[in-house]
PDB file of N, CA and C in Angstrom:
ATOM      1  N   ASN A   1      47.700-109.030 -34.630  1.00  0.00           N
ATOM      2  CA  ASN A   1      48.108-107.887 -33.835  1.00  0.00           C
ATOM      3  C   ASN A   1      49.629-107.741 -33.786  1.00  0.00           C
ATOM      4  N   LEU A   2      50.333-108.849 -33.838  1.00  0.00           N
ATOM      5  CA  LEU A   2      51.794-108.791 -33.791  1.00  0.00           C
ATOM      6  C   LEU A   2      52.336-108.023 -34.993  1.00  0.00           C
ATOM      7  N   ARG A   3      51.798-108.295 -36.156  1.00  0.00           N
ATOM      8  CA  ARG A   3      52.282-107.617 -37.368  1.00  0.00           C
ATOM      9  C   ARG A   3      52.045-106.108 -37.272  1.00  0.00           C
ATOM     10  N   ALA A   4      50.855-105.711 -36.834  1.00  0.00           N
ATOM     11  CA  ALA A   4      50.535-104.291 -36.703  1.00  0.00           C
ATOM     12  C   ALA A   4      51.439-103.624 -35.673  1.00  0.00           C
ATOM     13  N   ALA A   5      51.685-104.284 -34.557  1.00  0.00           N
ATOM     14  CA  ALA A   5      52.557-103.729 -33.518  1.00  0.00           C
ATOM     15  C   ALA A   5      53.989-103.603 -34.021  1.00  0.00           C
ATOM     16  N   ARG A   6      54.438-104.604 -34.777  1.00  0.00           N
ATOM     17  CA  ARG A   6      55.799-104.570 -35.342  1.00  0.00           C
ATOM     18  C   ARG A   6      55.939-103.396 -36.298  1.00  0.00           C
ATOM     19  N   LYS A   7      54.976-103.229 -37.174  1.00  0.00           N
ATOM     20  CA  LYS A   7      55.050-102.148 -38.165  1.00  0.00           C
ATOM     21  C   LYS A   7      54.955-100.766 -37.513  1.00  0.00           C
ATOM     22  N   LYS A   8      54.208-100.672 -36.421  1.00  0.00           N
ATOM     23  CA  LYS A   8      54.097 -99.390 -35.723  1.00  0.00           C
ATOM     24  C   LYS A   8      55.385 -99.052 -34.977  1.00  0.00           C
ATOM     25  N   ALA A   9      55.954-100.038 -34.290  1.00  0.00           N
ATOM     26  CA  ALA A   9      57.151 -99.797 -33.478  1.00  0.00           C
ATOM     27  C   ALA A   9      58.428 -99.695 -34.318  1.00  0.00           C
ATOM     28  N   PHE A  10      58.509-100.481 -35.367  1.00  0.00           N
ATOM     29  CA  PHE A  10      59.711-100.528 -36.207  1.00  0.00           C
ATOM     30  C   PHE A  10      59.308-100.477 -37.679  1.00  0.00           C
ATOM     31  N   PRO A  11      58.813 -99.333 -38.138  1.00  0.00           N
ATOM     32  CA  PRO A  11      58.251 -99.249 -39.497  1.00  0.00           C
ATOM     33  C   PRO A  11      59.236 -99.563 -40.622  1.00  0.00           C
ATOM     34  N   LYS A  12      60.521 -99.391 -40.388  1.00  0.00           N
ATOM     35  CA  LYS A  12      61.491 -99.643 -41.452  1.00  0.00           C
ATOM     36  C   LYS A  12      62.056-101.059 -41.422  1.00  0.00           C
ATOM     37  N   ASP A  13      61.727-101.820 -40.378  1.00  0.00           N
ATOM     38  CA  ASP A  13      62.221-103.196 -40.278  1.00  0.00           C
ATOM     39  C   ASP A  13      61.555-104.100 -41.307  1.00  0.00           C
ATOM     40  N   THR A  14      62.366-104.952 -41.914  1.00  0.00           N
ATOM     41  CA  THR A  14      61.830-106.039 -42.731  1.00  0.00           C
ATOM     42  C   THR A  14      61.499-107.192 -41.781  1.00  0.00           C
ATOM     43  N   LEU A  15      60.882-108.222 -42.303  1.00  0.00           N
ATOM     44  CA  LEU A  15      60.633-109.409 -41.483  1.00  0.00           C
ATOM     45  C   LEU A  15      61.939-109.946 -40.913  1.00  0.00           C
ATOM     46  N   GLU A  16      62.978-109.966 -41.734  1.00  0.00           N
ATOM     47  CA  GLU A  16      64.272-110.470 -41.300  1.00  0.00           C
ATOM     48  C   GLU A  16      64.847-109.614 -40.173  1.00  0.00           C
ATOM     49  N   ASP A  17      64.718-108.304 -40.294  1.00  0.00           N
ATOM     50  CA  ASP A  17      65.240-107.394 -39.272  1.00  0.00           C
ATOM     51  C   ASP A  17      64.559-107.637 -37.928  1.00  0.00           C
ATOM     52  N   PHE A  18      63.239-107.708 -37.944  1.00  0.00           N
ATOM     53  CA  PHE A  18      62.523-107.882 -36.683  1.00  0.00           C
ATOM     54  C   PHE A  18      62.746-109.278 -36.117  1.00  0.00           C
ATOM     55  N   ALA A  19      62.817-110.268 -36.981  1.00  0.00           N
ATOM     56  CA  ALA A  19      63.104-111.633 -36.518  1.00  0.00           C
ATOM     57  C   ALA A  19      64.437-111.658 -35.782  1.00  0.00           C
ATOM     58  N   LEU A  20      65.418-110.956 -36.303  1.00  0.00           N
ATOM     59  CA  LEU A  20      66.721-110.869 -35.646  1.00  0.00           C
ATOM     60  C   LEU A  20      66.603-110.178 -34.293  1.00  0.00           C
ATOM     61  N   ARG A  21      65.810-109.128 -34.201  1.00  0.00           N
ATOM     62  CA  ARG A  21      65.605-108.416 -32.931  1.00  0.00           C
ATOM     63  C   ARG A  21      65.067-109.332 -31.835  1.00  0.00           C
ATOM     64  N   ILE A  22      64.148-110.230 -32.222  1.00  0.00           N
ATOM     65  CA  ILE A  22      63.516-111.076 -31.212  1.00  0.00           C
ATOM     66  C   ILE A  22      64.136-112.472 -31.121  1.00  0.00           C
ATOM     67  N   GLY A  23      65.136-112.735 -31.944  1.00  0.00           N
ATOM     68  CA  GLY A  23      65.879-113.987 -31.841  1.00  0.00           C
ATOM     69  C   GLY A  23      65.176-115.211 -32.413  1.00  0.00           C
ATOM     70  N   VAL A  24      64.431-115.011 -33.498  1.00  0.00           N
ATOM     71  CA  VAL A  24      63.784-116.136 -34.171  1.00  0.00           C
ATOM     72  C   VAL A  24      64.111-116.066 -35.656  1.00  0.00           C
ATOM     73  N   SER A  25      63.784-117.130 -36.358  1.00  0.00           N
ATOM     74  CA  SER A  25      63.988-117.114 -37.806  1.00  0.00           C
ATOM     75  C   SER A  25      62.848-116.352 -38.478  1.00  0.00           C
ATOM     76  N   ARG A  26      63.082-115.972 -39.721  1.00  0.00           N
ATOM     77  CA  ARG A  26      62.052-115.272 -40.499  1.00  0.00           C
ATOM     78  C   ARG A  26      60.810-116.142 -40.620  1.00  0.00           C
ATOM     79  N   ALA A  27      61.015-117.431 -40.859  1.00  0.00           N
ATOM     80  CA  ALA A  27      59.888-118.354 -41.002  1.00  0.00           C
ATOM     81  C   ALA A  27      59.076-118.437 -39.707  1.00  0.00           C
ATOM     82  N   THR A  28      59.765-118.457 -38.572  1.00  0.00           N
ATOM     83  CA  THR A  28      59.061-118.504 -37.287  1.00  0.00           C
ATOM     84  C   THR A  28      58.265-117.226 -37.079  1.00  0.00           C
ATOM     85  N   LEU A  29      58.850-116.080 -37.404  1.00  0.00           N
ATOM     86  CA  LEU A  29      58.128-114.816 -37.271  1.00  0.00           C
ATOM     87  C   LEU A  29      56.885-114.813 -38.152  1.00  0.00           C
ATOM     88  N   GLN A  30      56.995-115.325 -39.347  1.00  0.00           N
ATOM     89  CA  GLN A  30      55.828-115.395 -40.236  1.00  0.00           C
ATOM     90  C   GLN A  30      54.733-116.255 -39.600  1.00  0.00           C
ATOM     91  N   ARG A  31      55.127-117.378 -39.013  1.00  0.00           N
ATOM     92  CA  ARG A  31      54.151-118.244 -38.345  1.00  0.00           C
ATOM     93  C   ARG A  31      53.528-117.533 -37.155  1.00  0.00           C
ATOM     94  N   MET A  32      54.346-116.780 -36.410  1.00  0.00           N
ATOM     95  CA  MET A  32      53.838-116.036 -35.259  1.00  0.00           C
ATOM     96  C   MET A  32      52.806-115.005 -35.703  1.00  0.00           C
ATOM     97  N   GLU A  33      53.093-114.299 -36.773  1.00  0.00           N
ATOM     98  CA  GLU A  33      52.179-113.265 -37.259  1.00  0.00           C
ATOM     99  C   GLU A  33      50.867-113.856 -37.775  1.00  0.00           C
ATOM    100  N   LYS A  34      50.888-115.133 -38.118  1.00  0.00           N
ATOM    101  CA  LYS A  34      49.660-115.817 -38.518  1.00  0.00           C
ATOM    102  C   LYS A  34      48.933-116.414 -37.317  1.00  0.00           C
ATOM    103  N   GLY A  35      49.552-116.341 -36.133  1.00  0.00           N
ATOM    104  CA  GLY A  35      48.924-116.874 -34.929  1.00  0.00           C
ATOM    105  C   GLY A  35      49.113-118.367 -34.754  1.00  0.00           C
ATOM    106  N   ASP A  36      50.165-118.904 -35.328  1.00  0.00           N
ATOM    107  CA  ASP A  36      50.446-120.336 -35.254  1.00  0.00           C
ATOM    108  C   ASP A  36      50.669-120.756 -33.797  1.00  0.00           C
ATOM    109  N   LEU A  37      49.829-121.653 -33.317  1.00  0.00           N
ATOM    110  CA  LEU A  37      49.914-122.089 -31.928  1.00  0.00           C
ATOM    111  C   LEU A  37      51.033-123.088 -31.672  1.00  0.00           C
ATOM    112  N   SER A  38      51.708-123.547 -32.724  1.00  0.00           N
ATOM    113  CA  SER A  38      52.822-124.467 -32.525  1.00  0.00           C
ATOM    114  C   SER A  38      54.102-123.722 -32.125  1.00  0.00           C
ATOM    115  N   VAL A  39      54.104-122.404 -32.242  1.00  0.00           N
ATOM    116  CA  VAL A  39      55.258-121.605 -31.822  1.00  0.00           C
ATOM    117  C   VAL A  39      55.211-121.467 -30.301  1.00  0.00           C
ATOM    118  N   ALA A  40      56.343-121.662 -29.660  1.00  0.00           N
ATOM    119  CA  ALA A  40      56.414-121.602 -28.203  1.00  0.00           C
ATOM    120  C   ALA A  40      55.973-120.241 -27.674  1.00  0.00           C
ATOM    121  N   LEU A  41      55.263-120.260 -26.566  1.00  0.00           N
ATOM    122  CA  LEU A  41      54.755-119.037 -25.954  1.00  0.00           C
ATOM    123  C   LEU A  41      55.897-118.073 -25.603  1.00  0.00           C
ATOM    124  N   GLY A  42      57.042-118.609 -25.257  1.00  0.00           N
ATOM    125  CA  GLY A  42      58.199-117.784 -24.933  1.00  0.00           C
ATOM    126  C   GLY A  42      58.650-116.905 -26.094  1.00  0.00           C
ATOM    127  N   LYS A  43      58.467-117.386 -27.290  1.00  0.00           N
ATOM    128  CA  LYS A  43      58.826-116.592 -28.476  1.00  0.00           C
ATOM    129  C   LYS A  43      57.884-115.402 -28.617  1.00  0.00           C
ATOM    130  N   TYR A  44      56.595-115.640 -28.354  1.00  0.00           N
ATOM    131  CA  TYR A  44      55.632-114.541 -28.385  1.00  0.00           C
ATOM    132  C   TYR A  44      55.954-113.528 -27.279  1.00  0.00           C
ATOM    133  N   TYR A  45      56.353-114.027 -26.108  1.00  0.00           N
ATOM    134  CA  TYR A  45      56.712-113.124 -25.011  1.00  0.00           C
ATOM    135  C   TYR A  45      57.939-112.295 -25.390  1.00  0.00           C
ATOM    136  N   GLY A  46      58.916-112.916 -26.045  1.00  0.00           N
ATOM    137  CA  GLY A  46      60.098-112.188 -26.495  1.00  0.00           C
ATOM    138  C   GLY A  46      59.733-111.052 -27.434  1.00  0.00           C
ATOM    139  N   ALA A  47      58.805-111.302 -28.328  1.00  0.00           N
ATOM    140  CA  ALA A  47      58.344-110.256 -29.247  1.00  0.00           C
ATOM    141  C   ALA A  47      57.629-109.161 -28.473  1.00  0.00           C
ATOM    142  N   ALA A  48      56.787-109.547 -27.521  1.00  0.00           N
ATOM    143  CA  ALA A  48      56.059-108.568 -26.704  1.00  0.00           C
ATOM    144  C   ALA A  48      57.043-107.703 -25.917  1.00  0.00           C
ATOM    145  N   LYS A  49      58.107-108.305 -25.422  1.00  0.00           N
ATOM    146  CA  LYS A  49      59.112-107.565 -24.645  1.00  0.00           C
ATOM    147  C   LYS A  49      59.799-106.509 -25.513  1.00  0.00           C
ATOM    148  N   VAL A  50      60.200-106.900 -26.698  1.00  0.00           N
ATOM    149  CA  VAL A  50      60.854-105.963 -27.621  1.00  0.00           C
ATOM    150  C   VAL A  50      59.908-104.829 -28.008  1.00  0.00           C
ATOM    151  N   LEU A  51      58.628-105.140 -28.121  1.00  0.00           N
ATOM    152  CA  LEU A  51      57.628-104.150 -28.522  1.00  0.00           C
ATOM    153  C   LEU A  51      57.106-103.333 -27.340  1.00  0.00           C
ATOM    154  N   GLY A  52      57.547-103.652 -26.131  1.00  0.00           N
ATOM    155  CA  GLY A  52      57.082-102.929 -24.952  1.00  0.00           C
ATOM    156  C   GLY A  52      55.648-103.275 -24.577  1.00  0.00           C
ATOM    157  N   LEU A  53      55.242-104.494 -24.890  1.00  0.00           N
ATOM    158  CA  LEU A  53      53.861-104.913 -24.644  1.00  0.00           C
ATOM    159  C   LEU A  53      53.761-106.047 -23.627  1.00  0.00           C
ATOM    160  N   THR A  54      54.700-106.123 -22.701  1.00  0.00           N
ATOM    161  CA  THR A  54      54.657-107.226 -21.741  1.00  0.00           C
ATOM    162  C   THR A  54      53.477-107.110 -20.783  1.00  0.00           C
ATOM    163  N   GLY A  55      53.066-105.881 -20.444  1.00  0.00           N
ATOM    164  CA  GLY A  55      51.919-105.709 -19.553  1.00  0.00           C
ATOM    165  C   GLY A  55      50.667-106.356 -20.109  1.00  0.00           C
ATOM    166  N   PRO A  56      50.244-105.982 -21.309  1.00  0.00           N
ATOM    167  CA  PRO A  56      49.064-106.623 -21.901  1.00  0.00           C
ATOM    168  C   PRO A  56      49.252-108.131 -22.101  1.00  0.00           C
ATOM    169  N   PHE A  57      50.481-108.535 -22.424  1.00  0.00           N
ATOM    170  CA  PHE A  57      50.753-109.959 -22.622  1.00  0.00           C
ATOM    171  C   PHE A  57      50.534-110.722 -21.321  1.00  0.00           C
ATOM    172  N   LEU A  58      51.088-110.217 -20.226  1.00  0.00           N
ATOM    173  CA  LEU A  58      50.943-110.888 -18.935  1.00  0.00           C
ATOM    174  C   LEU A  58      49.506-110.852 -18.433  1.00  0.00           C
ATOM    175  N   ALA A  59      48.771-109.812 -18.781  1.00  0.00           N
ATOM    176  CA  ALA A  59      47.364-109.723 -18.376  1.00  0.00           C
ATOM    177  C   ALA A  59      46.548-110.867 -18.968  1.00  0.00           C
ATOM    178  N   LEU A  60      46.960-111.366 -20.118  1.00  0.00           N
ATOM    179  CA  LEU A  60      46.262-112.490 -20.739  1.00  0.00           C
ATOM    180  C   LEU A  60      46.371-113.758 -19.900  1.00  0.00           C
ATOM    181  N   LEU A  61      47.412-113.831 -19.071  1.00  0.00           N
ATOM    182  CA  LEU A  61      47.671-115.038 -18.297  1.00  0.00           C
ATOM    183  C   LEU A  61      47.098-114.993 -16.888  1.00  0.00           C
ATOM    184  N   GLN A  62      46.466-113.889 -16.528  1.00  0.00           N
ATOM    185  CA  GLN A  62      45.885-113.762 -15.194  1.00  0.00           C
ATOM    186  C   GLN A  62      44.553-114.501 -15.136  1.00  0.00           C
ATOM    187  N   PRO A  63      44.374-115.341 -14.108  1.00  0.00           N
ATOM    188  CA  PRO A  63      43.087-116.030 -13.993  1.00  0.00           C
ATOM    189  C   PRO A  63      41.967-115.044 -13.669  1.00  0.00           C
ATOM    190  N   VAL A  64      40.820-115.297 -14.217  1.00  0.00           N
ATOM    191  CA  VAL A  64      39.663-114.460 -13.957  1.00  0.00           C
ATOM    192  C   VAL A  64      39.023-114.934 -12.653  1.00  0.00           C
ATOM    193  N   ARG A  65      38.816-113.995 -11.728  1.00  0.00           N
ATOM    194  CA  ARG A  65      38.205-114.332 -10.439  1.00  0.00           C
ATOM    195  C   ARG A  65      36.695-114.418 -10.607  1.00  0.00           C
ATOM    196  N   SER A  66      36.137-115.413  -9.992  1.00  0.00           N
ATOM    197  CA  SER A  66      34.689-115.617 -10.023  1.00  0.00           C
ATOM    198  C   SER A  66      34.081-115.150  -8.718  1.00  0.00           C
ATOM    199  N   LEU A  67      32.805-114.873  -8.727  1.00  0.00           N
ATOM    200  CA  LEU A  67      32.095-114.532  -7.493  1.00  0.00           C
ATOM    201  C   LEU A  67      32.123-115.685  -6.503  1.00  0.00           C
ATOM    202  N   PHE A  68      32.381-116.878  -6.996  1.00  0.00           N
ATOM    203  CA  PHE A  68      32.364-118.069  -6.157  1.00  0.00           C
ATOM    204  C   PHE A  68      33.742-118.426  -5.621  1.00  0.00           C
ATOM    205  N   ASP A  69      34.781-117.696  -6.038  1.00  0.00           N
ATOM    206  CA  ASP A  69      36.131-117.937  -5.519  1.00  0.00           C
ATOM    207  C   ASP A  69      36.259-117.421  -4.108  1.00  0.00           C
ATOM    208  N   ASP A  70      37.027-118.106  -3.287  1.00  0.00           N
ATOM    209  CA  ASP A  70      37.268-117.648  -1.914  1.00  0.00           C
ATOM    210  C   ASP A  70      38.365-116.637  -1.864  1.00  0.00           C
TER     211      ASP A  70
END
């Protein structure tokens, strides 16, 4: 999804261009686009921020309430 969002938001950016926008190396961006879990979550958040996707990103971190929760 990161690759598709990058291409939609910045269609003329190369990998290097977008990596510079989010403050990571080209190699790290490539790993992120493959879903590499060894990349720090903060780097993914930085990409989401640049892409204007922080709302959906933060929604992933919300705990799901159960009927049994007080």
